[in-house]
Amino acid sequence: MGIKKEVMENEWIDSLTQEDFYNGYDMSEKDRTYDLNFGNSLRDKLRDFYDLLFRRTLYQVIYKNYFKQLPHEYNYALPSKGFSSKARIKWLNKYKKIKGSKVLNVGVGNGFDIPIWLRYSPREFTGNDILKYGDSHEIVMRESKAISDTKINLYQKDILDLEVDEVGTFDIIASEAVFEHCRDMEKVAYKCFDLLKPNGMMYASYGGPLWYTYGGDHFSGRDNPKNGFNHLLLGKKEYWDYVKANVELTVDSELKAGAGGILVKLDLFSKLSSNEYLEIFKRVGFRVKKLILESCPIAAELIKDKKIRDALLEKYPNLHEDDFKCKTHIILLEKKA
């Protein structure tokens, strides 16, 4: 069943199903070309140089011991938008060489950032995404040959449906903006562990935001920043009324607005705290190599309001103020032989 693109008066949000979203809509880029030099412009280089030399260095001092209440260790904290995907891949390469490796990108999306990976000359690059990106993936597979001999495999599949017999095992697994949307994060973590070779490494960036911070449903606060904790504080009916009052009129327009209403409708969230992610990785068998946290300045400002802060702590007594300020994990995980 295809998605009706012009259903008005928010009717789409009542009728939309997971099957519709995953298979009835091609998410391929329509207004953007595949740039083989993606992430490698002079502007990109200057941005990352400034970030590494000045911004990140400065914030590591300013945000030292920022998250004092979280029950786990971390290397350092940064404000939102800590550093670029290109810089994160470079950071990963510092600890696990990409050259000659087999790489799996979980949640590869349209694949338009693959040129960043190809500059490191992996032996093979596999990407999967649960959403349909047929046209974009065809372009990536065809045009990447101009800059790299790396074998590229792209699948529309849930990570849980990838089997070792089909895709093999990998030296590196990478994922950005996916783990916060996995309903059963523990199953996903076990699957990644199984797909990773001994002494392999997984890089993941997830959150942006995590569930328990401002806009953790990728929707609350859309109308007014003061409502950024509505997903945590409102009752079920009141929350749904809030979503319907603020969602876009069509699927197309909702996608352009960030797709938060779609994610809410399909309940595509892990709903885990910062520590719960780390406890899952530990149970699965991963060892944390590095962990960088990003804070949410808007959340930090909102919970200065005693009424909001007390309401959050009363409803979630097992959490701390820092849980409501922690926006993102940027993590390296090892699978020891």
C-alpha atoms as a PDB file:
ATOM      1  CA  MET A   1       0.000   0.000   0.000  1.00  0.00           C
ATOM      2  CA  GLY A   2       1.520   3.322  -1.071  1.00  0.00           C
ATOM      3  CA  ILE A   3       1.355   6.456   1.041  1.00  0.00           C
ATOM      4  CA  LYS A   4      -1.217   9.000  -0.067  1.00  0.00           C
ATOM      5  CA  LYS A   5       0.771  12.186  -0.340  1.00  0.00           C
ATOM      6  CA  GLU A   6      -2.072  14.687  -0.337  1.00  0.00           C
ATOM      7  CA  VAL A   7      -4.299  13.536   2.521  1.00  0.00           C
ATOM      8  CA  MET A   8      -5.273  16.682   4.376  1.00  0.00           C
ATOM      9  CA  GLU A   9      -6.384  17.611   7.903  1.00  0.00           C
ATOM     10  CA  ASN A  10      -3.809  15.265   9.443  1.00  0.00           C
ATOM     11  CA  GLU A  11      -5.719  12.129   8.403  1.00  0.00           C
ATOM     12  CA  TRP A  12      -2.476  10.464   7.350  1.00  0.00           C
ATOM     13  CA  ILE A  13      -1.214  10.217  10.919  1.00  0.00           C
ATOM     14  CA  ASP A  14      -4.227   8.094  11.912  1.00  0.00           C
ATOM     15  CA  SER A  15      -3.924   5.690   8.971  1.00  0.00           C
ATOM     16  CA  LEU A  16      -0.146   5.472   8.463  1.00  0.00           C
ATOM     17  CA  THR A  17       1.317   2.016   9.084  1.00  0.00           C
ATOM     18  CA  GLN A  18       4.876   0.813   9.455  1.00  0.00           C
ATOM     19  CA  GLU A  19       4.606  -1.063   6.157  1.00  0.00           C
ATOM     20  CA  ASP A  20       3.478   2.132   4.413  1.00  0.00           C
ATOM     21  CA  PHE A  21       6.442   4.078   5.697  1.00  0.00           C
ATOM     22  CA  TYR A  22       9.094   1.434   5.092  1.00  0.00           C
ATOM     23  CA  ASN A  23       8.016   0.346   1.632  1.00  0.00           C
ATOM     24  CA  GLY A  24       5.452   2.786   0.256  1.00  0.00           C
ATOM     25  CA  TYR A  25       7.727   5.788   0.001  1.00  0.00           C
ATOM     26  CA  ASP A  26      11.104   6.123  -1.692  1.00  0.00           C
ATOM     27  CA  MET A  27      13.224   8.394   0.507  1.00  0.00           C
ATOM     28  CA  SER A  28      15.765   9.036  -2.256  1.00  0.00           C
ATOM     29  CA  GLU A  29      17.120  12.547  -2.636  1.00  0.00           C
ATOM     30  CA  LYS A  30      15.231  14.418  -5.344  1.00  0.00           C
ATOM     31  CA  ASP A  31      16.879  17.826  -5.138  1.00  0.00           C
ATOM     32  CA  ARG A  32      20.471  16.869  -4.355  1.00  0.00           C
ATOM     33  CA  THR A  33      23.206  15.380  -6.517  1.00  0.00           C
ATOM     34  CA  TYR A  34      25.661  12.741  -5.367  1.00  0.00           C
ATOM     35  CA  ASP A  35      28.863  14.654  -4.609  1.00  0.00           C
ATOM     36  CA  LEU A  36      31.979  12.507  -4.866  1.00  0.00           C
ATOM     37  CA  ASN A  37      33.860  15.259  -3.019  1.00  0.00           C
ATOM     38  CA  PHE A  38      31.344  15.302  -0.169  1.00  0.00           C
ATOM     39  CA  GLY A  39      32.872  16.475   3.101  1.00  0.00           C
ATOM     40  CA  ASN A  40      36.161  17.360   1.434  1.00  0.00           C
ATOM     41  CA  SER A  41      35.640  20.983   0.414  1.00  0.00           C
ATOM     42  CA  LEU A  42      37.878  23.770   1.688  1.00  0.00           C
ATOM     43  CA  ARG A  43      35.027  24.933   3.877  1.00  0.00           C
ATOM     44  CA  ASP A  44      34.679  21.448   5.408  1.00  0.00           C
ATOM     45  CA  LYS A  45      38.404  21.252   6.074  1.00  0.00           C
ATOM     46  CA  LEU A  46      38.533  24.697   7.693  1.00  0.00           C
ATOM     47  CA  ARG A  47      35.478  23.884   9.842  1.00  0.00           C
ATOM     48  CA  ASP A  48      36.986  20.645  11.142  1.00  0.00           C
ATOM     49  CA  PHE A  49      40.383  22.270  11.696  1.00  0.00           C
ATOM     50  CA  TYR A  50      38.802  25.064  13.733  1.00  0.00           C
ATOM     51  CA  ASP A  51      36.664  22.563  15.626  1.00  0.00           C
ATOM     52  CA  LEU A  52      39.597  20.313  16.535  1.00  0.00           C
ATOM     53  CA  LEU A  53      42.079  23.035  17.379  1.00  0.00           C
ATOM     54  CA  PHE A  54      39.864  25.552  19.143  1.00  0.00           C
ATOM     55  CA  ARG A  55      36.190  24.748  19.689  1.00  0.00           C
ATOM     56  CA  ARG A  56      36.449  21.158  20.916  1.00  0.00           C
ATOM     57  CA  THR A  57      39.540  21.937  22.985  1.00  0.00           C
ATOM     58  CA  LEU A  58      37.856  24.920  24.635  1.00  0.00           C
ATOM     59  CA  TYR A  59      34.621  23.084  25.402  1.00  0.00           C
ATOM     60  CA  GLN A  60      36.466  20.161  26.953  1.00  0.00           C
ATOM     61  CA  VAL A  61      37.649  22.657  29.564  1.00  0.00           C
ATOM     62  CA  ILE A  62      34.323  24.478  29.933  1.00  0.00           C
ATOM     63  CA  TYR A  63      32.309  21.251  30.167  1.00  0.00           C
ATOM     64  CA  LYS A  64      34.767  19.320  32.331  1.00  0.00           C
ATOM     65  CA  ASN A  65      32.814  17.226  34.862  1.00  0.00           C
ATOM     66  CA  TYR A  66      29.583  18.654  33.417  1.00  0.00           C
ATOM     67  CA  PHE A  67      27.602  15.438  33.943  1.00  0.00           C
ATOM     68  CA  LYS A  68      28.366  14.762  37.596  1.00  0.00           C
ATOM     69  CA  GLN A  69      25.191  12.776  38.322  1.00  0.00           C
ATOM     70  CA  LEU A  70      25.384  10.171  35.557  1.00  0.00           C
ATOM     71  CA  PRO A  71      26.374   6.760  36.978  1.00  0.00           C
ATOM     72  CA  HIS A  72      28.932   6.013  34.283  1.00  0.00           C
ATOM     73  CA  GLU A  73      32.277   7.329  33.144  1.00  0.00           C
ATOM     74  CA  TYR A  74      32.869   9.318  29.972  1.00  0.00           C
ATOM     75  CA  ASN A  75      35.854  10.977  28.332  1.00  0.00           C
ATOM     76  CA  TYR A  76      34.476  14.473  27.906  1.00  0.00           C
ATOM     77  CA  ALA A  77      31.332  16.447  27.133  1.00  0.00           C
ATOM     78  CA  LEU A  78      30.488  18.935  24.414  1.00  0.00           C
ATOM     79  CA  PRO A  79      27.491  21.145  23.643  1.00  0.00           C
ATOM     80  CA  SER A  80      25.140  20.160  20.823  1.00  0.00           C
ATOM     81  CA  LYS A  81      26.646  19.493  17.388  1.00  0.00           C
ATOM     82  CA  GLY A  82      29.891  18.293  18.911  1.00  0.00           C
ATOM     83  CA  PHE A  83      31.771  17.581  15.680  1.00  0.00           C
ATOM     84  CA  SER A  84      31.054  16.601  12.092  1.00  0.00           C
ATOM     85  CA  SER A  85      30.504  13.097  10.718  1.00  0.00           C
ATOM     86  CA  LYS A  86      33.695  13.457   8.717  1.00  0.00           C
ATOM     87  CA  ALA A  87      35.642  14.297  11.887  1.00  0.00           C
ATOM     88  CA  ARG A  88      34.035  11.352  13.702  1.00  0.00           C
ATOM     89  CA  ILE A  89      35.106   8.919  10.989  1.00  0.00           C
ATOM     90  CA  LYS A  90      38.617  10.330  11.247  1.00  0.00           C
ATOM     91  CA  TRP A  91      38.416   9.826  15.026  1.00  0.00           C
ATOM     92  CA  LEU A  92      37.350   6.208  14.492  1.00  0.00           C
ATOM     93  CA  ASN A  93      40.244   5.653  12.085  1.00  0.00           C
ATOM     94  CA  LYS A  94      42.653   6.755  14.800  1.00  0.00           C
ATOM     95  CA  TYR A  95      41.676   3.704  16.887  1.00  0.00           C
ATOM     96  CA  LYS A  96      40.736   1.215  14.143  1.00  0.00           C
ATOM     97  CA  LYS A  97      42.229   1.555  10.677  1.00  0.00           C
ATOM     98  CA  ILE A  98      39.611   1.643   7.966  1.00  0.00           C
ATOM     99  CA  LYS A  99      42.005   0.883   5.109  1.00  0.00           C
ATOM    100  CA  GLY A 100      41.566  -2.705   3.960  1.00  0.00           C
ATOM    101  CA  SER A 101      38.685  -3.298   6.398  1.00  0.00           C
ATOM    102  CA  LYS A 102      35.202  -4.628   5.863  1.00  0.00           C
ATOM    103  CA  VAL A 103      32.784  -1.936   7.029  1.00  0.00           C
ATOM    104  CA  LEU A 104      29.076  -2.179   7.828  1.00  0.00           C
ATOM    105  CA  ASN A 105      27.098   1.044   8.066  1.00  0.00           C
ATOM    106  CA  VAL A 106      23.866   0.417   9.974  1.00  0.00           C
ATOM    107  CA  GLY A 107      21.258   2.913   8.826  1.00  0.00           C
ATOM    108  CA  VAL A 108      23.169   4.078   5.771  1.00  0.00           C
ATOM    109  CA  GLY A 109      20.305   6.301   4.605  1.00  0.00           C
ATOM    110  CA  ASN A 110      20.718   7.610   1.077  1.00  0.00           C
ATOM    111  CA  GLY A 111      24.419   6.762   1.169  1.00  0.00           C
ATOM    112  CA  PHE A 112      25.509  10.205   0.029  1.00  0.00           C
ATOM    113  CA  ASP A 113      28.202  10.389   2.736  1.00  0.00           C
ATOM    114  CA  ILE A 114      29.884   7.194   1.486  1.00  0.00           C
ATOM    115  CA  PRO A 115      32.647   9.169  -0.327  1.00  0.00           C
ATOM    116  CA  ILE A 116      34.029  10.087   3.121  1.00  0.00           C
ATOM    117  CA  TRP A 117      34.486   6.376   3.843  1.00  0.00           C
ATOM    118  CA  LEU A 118      35.895   5.602   0.400  1.00  0.00           C
ATOM    119  CA  ARG A 119      38.797   8.034   0.936  1.00  0.00           C
ATOM    120  CA  TYR A 120      40.048   5.635   3.627  1.00  0.00           C
ATOM    121  CA  SER A 121      40.074   2.724   1.119  1.00  0.00           C
ATOM    122  CA  PRO A 122      38.049   0.057   2.906  1.00  0.00           C
ATOM    123  CA  ARG A 123      38.144  -3.327   1.208  1.00  0.00           C
ATOM    124  CA  GLU A 124      34.359  -3.605   1.256  1.00  0.00           C
ATOM    125  CA  PHE A 125      31.564  -1.279   2.349  1.00  0.00           C
ATOM    126  CA  THR A 126      28.107  -2.618   3.179  1.00  0.00           C
ATOM    127  CA  GLY A 127      25.182  -0.426   4.144  1.00  0.00           C
ATOM    128  CA  ASN A 128      21.680  -1.302   5.230  1.00  0.00           C
ATOM    129  CA  ASP A 129      18.619   0.774   5.945  1.00  0.00           C
ATOM    130  CA  ILE A 130      15.098  -0.203   6.865  1.00  0.00           C
ATOM    131  CA  LEU A 131      13.753   2.604   4.673  1.00  0.00           C
ATOM    132  CA  LYS A 132      13.570   2.565   0.894  1.00  0.00           C
ATOM    133  CA  TYR A 133      16.292   4.533  -0.910  1.00  0.00           C
ATOM    134  CA  GLY A 134      16.236   2.667  -4.226  1.00  0.00           C
ATOM    135  CA  ASP A 135      17.039   5.521  -6.610  1.00  0.00           C
ATOM    136  CA  SER A 136      19.739   7.031  -4.395  1.00  0.00           C
ATOM    137  CA  HIS A 137      21.410   3.677  -3.845  1.00  0.00           C
ATOM    138  CA  GLU A 138      21.531   3.015  -7.580  1.00  0.00           C
ATOM    139  CA  ILE A 139      23.291   6.350  -8.087  1.00  0.00           C
ATOM    140  CA  VAL A 140      25.776   5.667  -5.274  1.00  0.00           C
ATOM    141  CA  MET A 141      26.615   2.190  -6.547  1.00  0.00           C
ATOM    142  CA  ARG A 142      27.129   3.450 -10.100  1.00  0.00           C
ATOM    143  CA  GLU A 143      28.965   6.740  -9.561  1.00  0.00           C
ATOM    144  CA  SER A 144      31.265   5.669  -6.708  1.00  0.00           C
ATOM    145  CA  LYS A 145      33.249   3.580  -9.186  1.00  0.00           C
ATOM    146  CA  ALA A 146      34.767   6.820 -10.475  1.00  0.00           C
ATOM    147  CA  ILE A 147      36.758   7.331  -7.263  1.00  0.00           C
ATOM    148  CA  SER A 148      37.144   3.892  -5.671  1.00  0.00           C
ATOM    149  CA  ASP A 149      37.474   0.167  -6.333  1.00  0.00           C
ATOM    150  CA  THR A 150      35.903  -0.619  -2.956  1.00  0.00           C
ATOM    151  CA  LYS A 151      33.109  -3.153  -3.252  1.00  0.00           C
ATOM    152  CA  ILE A 152      29.821  -1.542  -2.179  1.00  0.00           C
ATOM    153  CA  ASN A 153      26.706  -3.458  -1.109  1.00  0.00           C
ATOM    154  CA  LEU A 154      23.524  -1.606  -0.175  1.00  0.00           C
ATOM    155  CA  TYR A 155      20.416  -3.317   1.218  1.00  0.00           C
ATOM    156  CA  GLN A 156      16.953  -2.285   2.265  1.00  0.00           C
ATOM    157  CA  LYS A 157      16.844  -4.466   5.353  1.00  0.00           C
ATOM    158  CA  ASP A 158      16.393  -4.270   9.083  1.00  0.00           C
ATOM    159  CA  ILE A 159      19.699  -4.860  10.878  1.00  0.00           C
ATOM    160  CA  LEU A 160      18.031  -7.804  12.641  1.00  0.00           C
ATOM    161  CA  ASP A 161      17.495  -9.467   9.255  1.00  0.00           C
ATOM    162  CA  LEU A 162      21.162  -9.338   8.232  1.00  0.00           C
ATOM    163  CA  GLU A 163      22.693 -12.796   8.564  1.00  0.00           C
ATOM    164  CA  VAL A 164      26.364 -13.731   8.762  1.00  0.00           C
ATOM    165  CA  ASP A 165      25.827 -16.354   6.036  1.00  0.00           C
ATOM    166  CA  GLU A 166      24.655 -13.571   3.716  1.00  0.00           C
ATOM    167  CA  VAL A 167      26.917 -10.628   4.486  1.00  0.00           C
ATOM    168  CA  GLY A 168      29.825 -12.135   6.447  1.00  0.00           C
ATOM    169  CA  THR A 169      31.413 -10.467   9.455  1.00  0.00           C
ATOM    170  CA  PHE A 170      32.982  -7.027   9.691  1.00  0.00           C
ATOM    171  CA  ASP A 171      36.067  -5.314  11.058  1.00  0.00           C
ATOM    172  CA  ILE A 172      34.100  -2.117  11.668  1.00  0.00           C
ATOM    173  CA  ILE A 173      30.432  -1.368  12.262  1.00  0.00           C
ATOM    174  CA  ALA A 174      29.281   2.235  12.155  1.00  0.00           C
ATOM    175  CA  SER A 175      25.922   3.792  12.882  1.00  0.00           C
ATOM    176  CA  GLU A 176      24.663   7.351  13.150  1.00  0.00           C
ATOM    177  CA  ALA A 177      21.218   8.470  14.337  1.00  0.00           C
ATOM    178  CA  VAL A 178      19.798   4.917  14.445  1.00  0.00           C
ATOM    179  CA  PHE A 179      20.072   3.395  17.925  1.00  0.00           C
ATOM    180  CA  GLU A 180      17.673   5.919  19.463  1.00  0.00           C
ATOM    181  CA  HIS A 181      15.009   4.502  17.122  1.00  0.00           C
ATOM    182  CA  CYS A 182      15.463   0.779  17.877  1.00  0.00           C
ATOM    183  CA  ARG A 183      12.509  -0.539  19.866  1.00  0.00           C
ATOM    184  CA  ASP A 184      14.565  -3.505  21.066  1.00  0.00           C
ATOM    185  CA  MET A 185      18.031  -2.064  21.457  1.00  0.00           C
ATOM    186  CA  GLU A 186      19.342  -5.177  23.181  1.00  0.00           C
ATOM    187  CA  LYS A 187      18.524  -7.374  20.166  1.00  0.00           C
ATOM    188  CA  VAL A 188      20.209  -4.839  17.879  1.00  0.00           C
ATOM    189  CA  ALA A 189      23.308  -4.749  20.072  1.00  0.00           C
ATOM    190  CA  TYR A 190      23.538  -8.554  20.071  1.00  0.00           C
ATOM    191  CA  LYS A 191      23.159  -8.616  16.286  1.00  0.00           C
ATOM    192  CA  CYS A 192      25.942  -6.042  15.865  1.00  0.00           C
ATOM    193  CA  PHE A 193      28.149  -8.049  18.224  1.00  0.00           C
ATOM    194  CA  ASP A 194      27.548 -11.190  16.154  1.00  0.00           C
ATOM    195  CA  LEU A 195      28.325  -9.383  12.897  1.00  0.00           C
ATOM    196  CA  LEU A 196      31.558  -7.918  14.265  1.00  0.00           C
ATOM    197  CA  LYS A 197      34.821  -9.838  14.018  1.00  0.00           C
ATOM    198  CA  PRO A 198      36.892 -10.493  17.157  1.00  0.00           C
ATOM    199  CA  ASN A 199      38.958  -7.348  17.894  1.00  0.00           C
ATOM    200  CA  GLY A 200      36.525  -5.424  15.722  1.00  0.00           C
ATOM    201  CA  MET A 201      35.206  -1.985  16.642  1.00  0.00           C
ATOM    202  CA  MET A 202      31.790  -0.364  16.519  1.00  0.00           C
ATOM    203  CA  TYR A 203      31.418   3.386  16.215  1.00  0.00           C
ATOM    204  CA  ALA A 204      27.991   4.817  16.974  1.00  0.00           C
ATOM    205  CA  SER A 205      26.480   8.228  17.372  1.00  0.00           C
ATOM    206  CA  TYR A 206      22.931   8.124  18.674  1.00  0.00           C
ATOM    207  CA  GLY A 207      20.535  10.461  20.330  1.00  0.00           C
ATOM    208  CA  GLY A 208      20.417  13.921  18.961  1.00  0.00           C
ATOM    209  CA  PRO A 209      18.266  13.691  21.052  1.00  0.00           C
ATOM    210  CA  LEU A 210      18.105  10.790  23.503  1.00  0.00           C
ATOM    211  CA  TRP A 211      14.608   9.972  24.758  1.00  0.00           C
ATOM    212  CA  TYR A 212      14.799  11.637  28.154  1.00  0.00           C
ATOM    213  CA  THR A 213      16.003  15.033  27.031  1.00  0.00           C
ATOM    214  CA  TYR A 214      14.405  17.986  25.259  1.00  0.00           C
ATOM    215  CA  GLY A 215      12.515  16.830  22.170  1.00  0.00           C
ATOM    216  CA  GLY A 216      13.440  13.203  22.790  1.00  0.00           C
ATOM    217  CA  ASP A 217      10.501  12.191  20.602  1.00  0.00           C
ATOM    218  CA  HIS A 218      11.909  14.393  17.788  1.00  0.00           C
ATOM    219  CA  PHE A 219       8.670  16.361  18.058  1.00  0.00           C
ATOM    220  CA  SER A 220       7.969  17.970  21.431  1.00  0.00           C
ATOM    221  CA  GLY A 221       8.886  21.640  21.422  1.00  0.00           C
ATOM    222  CA  ARG A 222       8.120  22.024  17.737  1.00  0.00           C
ATOM    223  CA  ASP A 223       5.472  24.619  18.548  1.00  0.00           C
ATOM    224  CA  ASN A 224       7.194  26.188  21.539  1.00  0.00           C
ATOM    225  CA  PRO A 225      10.515  25.301  23.242  1.00  0.00           C
ATOM    226  CA  LYS A 226       8.732  25.343  26.595  1.00  0.00           C
ATOM    227  CA  ASN A 227       6.901  22.188  25.483  1.00  0.00           C
ATOM    228  CA  GLY A 228      10.095  20.243  24.816  1.00  0.00           C
ATOM    229  CA  PHE A 229       9.401  17.717  27.589  1.00  0.00           C
ATOM    230  CA  ASN A 230       5.785  17.050  26.592  1.00  0.00           C
ATOM    231  CA  HIS A 231       6.613  13.478  25.550  1.00  0.00           C
ATOM    232  CA  LEU A 232       7.693  12.800  29.123  1.00  0.00           C
ATOM    233  CA  LEU A 233       5.154  14.815  31.091  1.00  0.00           C
ATOM    234  CA  LEU A 234       1.814  14.661  29.266  1.00  0.00           C
ATOM    235  CA  GLY A 235      -0.704  11.845  29.639  1.00  0.00           C
ATOM    236  CA  LYS A 236      -1.251   9.552  26.654  1.00  0.00           C
ATOM    237  CA  LYS A 237      -4.375  11.279  25.285  1.00  0.00           C
ATOM    238  CA  GLU A 238      -3.128  14.782  26.000  1.00  0.00           C
ATOM    239  CA  TYR A 239       0.151  13.983  24.270  1.00  0.00           C
ATOM    240  CA  TRP A 240      -1.557  12.548  21.185  1.00  0.00           C
ATOM    241  CA  ASP A 241      -3.782  15.628  20.965  1.00  0.00           C
ATOM    242  CA  TYR A 242      -0.648  17.766  21.155  1.00  0.00           C
ATOM    243  CA  VAL A 243       0.983  15.806  18.316  1.00  0.00           C
ATOM    244  CA  LYS A 244      -2.083  16.012  16.071  1.00  0.00           C
ATOM    245  CA  ALA A 245      -2.372  19.740  16.696  1.00  0.00           C
ATOM    246  CA  ASN A 246       1.195  20.367  15.566  1.00  0.00           C
ATOM    247  CA  VAL A 247       1.921  17.725  12.929  1.00  0.00           C
ATOM    248  CA  GLU A 248       2.194  18.757   9.274  1.00  0.00           C
ATOM    249  CA  LEU A 249      -0.758  18.251   6.947  1.00  0.00           C
ATOM    250  CA  THR A 250       0.880  15.718   4.617  1.00  0.00           C
ATOM    251  CA  VAL A 251       3.538  13.036   4.833  1.00  0.00           C
ATOM    252  CA  ASP A 252       5.719  15.009   2.421  1.00  0.00           C
ATOM    253  CA  SER A 253       5.600  18.152   4.528  1.00  0.00           C
ATOM    254  CA  GLU A 254       6.149  16.150   7.726  1.00  0.00           C
ATOM    255  CA  LEU A 255       9.262  14.568   6.231  1.00  0.00           C
ATOM    256  CA  LYS A 256      10.593  18.016   5.370  1.00  0.00           C
ATOM    257  CA  ALA A 257       9.870  19.142   8.942  1.00  0.00           C
ATOM    258  CA  GLY A 258      12.046  16.346  10.335  1.00  0.00           C
ATOM    259  CA  ALA A 259       9.580  13.411  10.339  1.00  0.00           C
ATOM    260  CA  GLY A 260       9.006  13.613  14.088  1.00  0.00           C
ATOM    261  CA  GLY A 261       5.276  13.065  13.722  1.00  0.00           C
ATOM    262  CA  ILE A 262       5.891   9.892  11.722  1.00  0.00           C
ATOM    263  CA  LEU A 263       8.312   8.586  14.340  1.00  0.00           C
ATOM    264  CA  VAL A 264       5.789   9.286  17.086  1.00  0.00           C
ATOM    265  CA  LYS A 265       2.952   7.596  15.191  1.00  0.00           C
ATOM    266  CA  LEU A 266       5.045   4.448  14.606  1.00  0.00           C
ATOM    267  CA  ASP A 267       6.630   4.629  18.075  1.00  0.00           C
ATOM    268  CA  LEU A 268      10.141   4.288  16.665  1.00  0.00           C
ATOM    269  CA  PHE A 269      12.104   4.961  19.839  1.00  0.00           C
ATOM    270  CA  SER A 270      14.363   3.003  22.167  1.00  0.00           C
ATOM    271  CA  LYS A 271      13.220   5.079  25.163  1.00  0.00           C
ATOM    272  CA  LEU A 272      16.455   4.452  27.057  1.00  0.00           C
ATOM    273  CA  SER A 273      18.484   6.610  29.404  1.00  0.00           C
ATOM    274  CA  SER A 274      22.181   7.281  28.945  1.00  0.00           C
ATOM    275  CA  ASN A 275      23.144   4.559  31.407  1.00  0.00           C
ATOM    276  CA  GLU A 276      20.689   2.005  30.009  1.00  0.00           C
ATOM    277  CA  TYR A 277      22.465   2.040  26.641  1.00  0.00           C
ATOM    278  CA  LEU A 278      25.795   1.388  28.321  1.00  0.00           C
ATOM    279  CA  GLU A 279      24.375  -1.410  30.464  1.00  0.00           C
ATOM    280  CA  ILE A 280      23.080  -3.111  27.314  1.00  0.00           C
ATOM    281  CA  PHE A 281      26.473  -2.875  25.592  1.00  0.00           C
ATOM    282  CA  LYS A 282      28.111  -4.337  28.695  1.00  0.00           C
ATOM    283  CA  ARG A 283      25.683  -7.264  28.867  1.00  0.00           C
ATOM    284  CA  VAL A 284      26.206  -8.027  25.210  1.00  0.00           C
ATOM    285  CA  GLY A 285      29.983  -8.184  25.645  1.00  0.00           C
ATOM    286  CA  PHE A 286      31.215  -4.868  24.279  1.00  0.00           C
ATOM    287  CA  ARG A 287      33.881  -2.828  26.031  1.00  0.00           C
ATOM    288  CA  VAL A 288      33.672   0.956  25.891  1.00  0.00           C
ATOM    289  CA  LYS A 289      36.841   2.358  24.329  1.00  0.00           C
ATOM    290  CA  LYS A 290      35.773   6.013  24.193  1.00  0.00           C
ATOM    291  CA  LEU A 291      32.600   7.884  25.097  1.00  0.00           C
ATOM    292  CA  ILE A 292      31.838  11.513  24.348  1.00  0.00           C
ATOM    293  CA  LEU A 293      28.579  13.058  25.532  1.00  0.00           C
ATOM    294  CA  GLU A 294      26.723  15.988  24.038  1.00  0.00           C
ATOM    295  CA  SER A 295      24.587  18.201  26.222  1.00  0.00           C
ATOM    296  CA  CYS A 296      21.354  19.940  25.298  1.00  0.00           C
ATOM    297  CA  PRO A 297      21.525  23.639  26.227  1.00  0.00           C
ATOM    298  CA  ILE A 298      17.775  24.106  25.749  1.00  0.00           C
ATOM    299  CA  ALA A 299      17.037  21.279  28.182  1.00  0.00           C
ATOM    300  CA  ALA A 300      19.520  22.685  30.687  1.00  0.00           C
ATOM    301  CA  GLU A 301      17.744  26.013  30.519  1.00  0.00           C
ATOM    302  CA  LEU A 302      14.256  24.507  30.814  1.00  0.00           C
ATOM    303  CA  ILE A 303      14.975  22.456  33.926  1.00  0.00           C
ATOM    304  CA  LYS A 304      16.052  25.588  35.734  1.00  0.00           C
ATOM    305  CA  ASP A 305      12.283  26.048  36.004  1.00  0.00           C
ATOM    306  CA  LYS A 306      11.474  24.377  39.320  1.00  0.00           C
ATOM    307  CA  LYS A 307       8.016  23.329  38.165  1.00  0.00           C
ATOM    308  CA  ILE A 308       9.389  21.453  35.130  1.00  0.00           C
ATOM    309  CA  ARG A 309      12.345  20.010  37.031  1.00  0.00           C
ATOM    310  CA  ASP A 310      10.215  18.752  39.926  1.00  0.00           C
ATOM    311  CA  ALA A 311       7.643  17.242  37.552  1.00  0.00           C
ATOM    312  CA  LEU A 312      10.343  15.303  35.687  1.00  0.00           C
ATOM    313  CA  LEU A 313      12.048  14.038  38.824  1.00  0.00           C
ATOM    314  CA  GLU A 314       8.738  13.048  40.409  1.00  0.00           C
ATOM    315  CA  LYS A 315       7.615  11.090  37.341  1.00  0.00           C
ATOM    316  CA  TYR A 316      11.052   9.504  36.759  1.00  0.00           C
ATOM    317  CA  PRO A 317      12.521   9.001  40.254  1.00  0.00           C
ATOM    318  CA  ASN A 318      15.294   6.707  38.986  1.00  0.00           C
ATOM    319  CA  LEU A 319      16.760   9.470  36.811  1.00  0.00           C
ATOM    320  CA  HIS A 320      18.791  12.572  37.618  1.00  0.00           C
ATOM    321  CA  GLU A 321      18.810  16.098  36.250  1.00  0.00           C
ATOM    322  CA  ASP A 322      21.768  15.127  34.059  1.00  0.00           C
ATOM    323  CA  ASP A 323      19.636  12.498  32.294  1.00  0.00           C
ATOM    324  CA  PHE A 324      17.366  15.272  31.086  1.00  0.00           C
ATOM    325  CA  LYS A 325      20.336  17.284  29.771  1.00  0.00           C
ATOM    326  CA  CYS A 326      22.232  14.478  28.004  1.00  0.00           C
ATOM    327  CA  LYS A 327      21.463  14.680  24.288  1.00  0.00           C
ATOM    328  CA  THR A 328      23.858  12.371  22.413  1.00  0.00           C
ATOM    329  CA  HIS A 329      26.374   9.547  22.799  1.00  0.00           C
ATOM    330  CA  ILE A 330      29.381   9.359  20.479  1.00  0.00           C
ATOM    331  CA  ILE A 331      30.957   6.031  21.308  1.00  0.00           C
ATOM    332  CA  LEU A 332      33.613   3.524  20.295  1.00  0.00           C
ATOM    333  CA  LEU A 333      32.977  -0.074  21.385  1.00  0.00           C
ATOM    334  CA  GLU A 334      35.414  -2.955  21.175  1.00  0.00           C
ATOM    335  CA  LYS A 335      34.768  -6.655  20.753  1.00  0.00           C
ATOM    336  CA  LYS A 336      37.738  -8.296  22.359  1.00  0.00           C
ATOM    337  CA  ALA A 337      38.928 -11.656  20.993  1.00  0.00           C
END
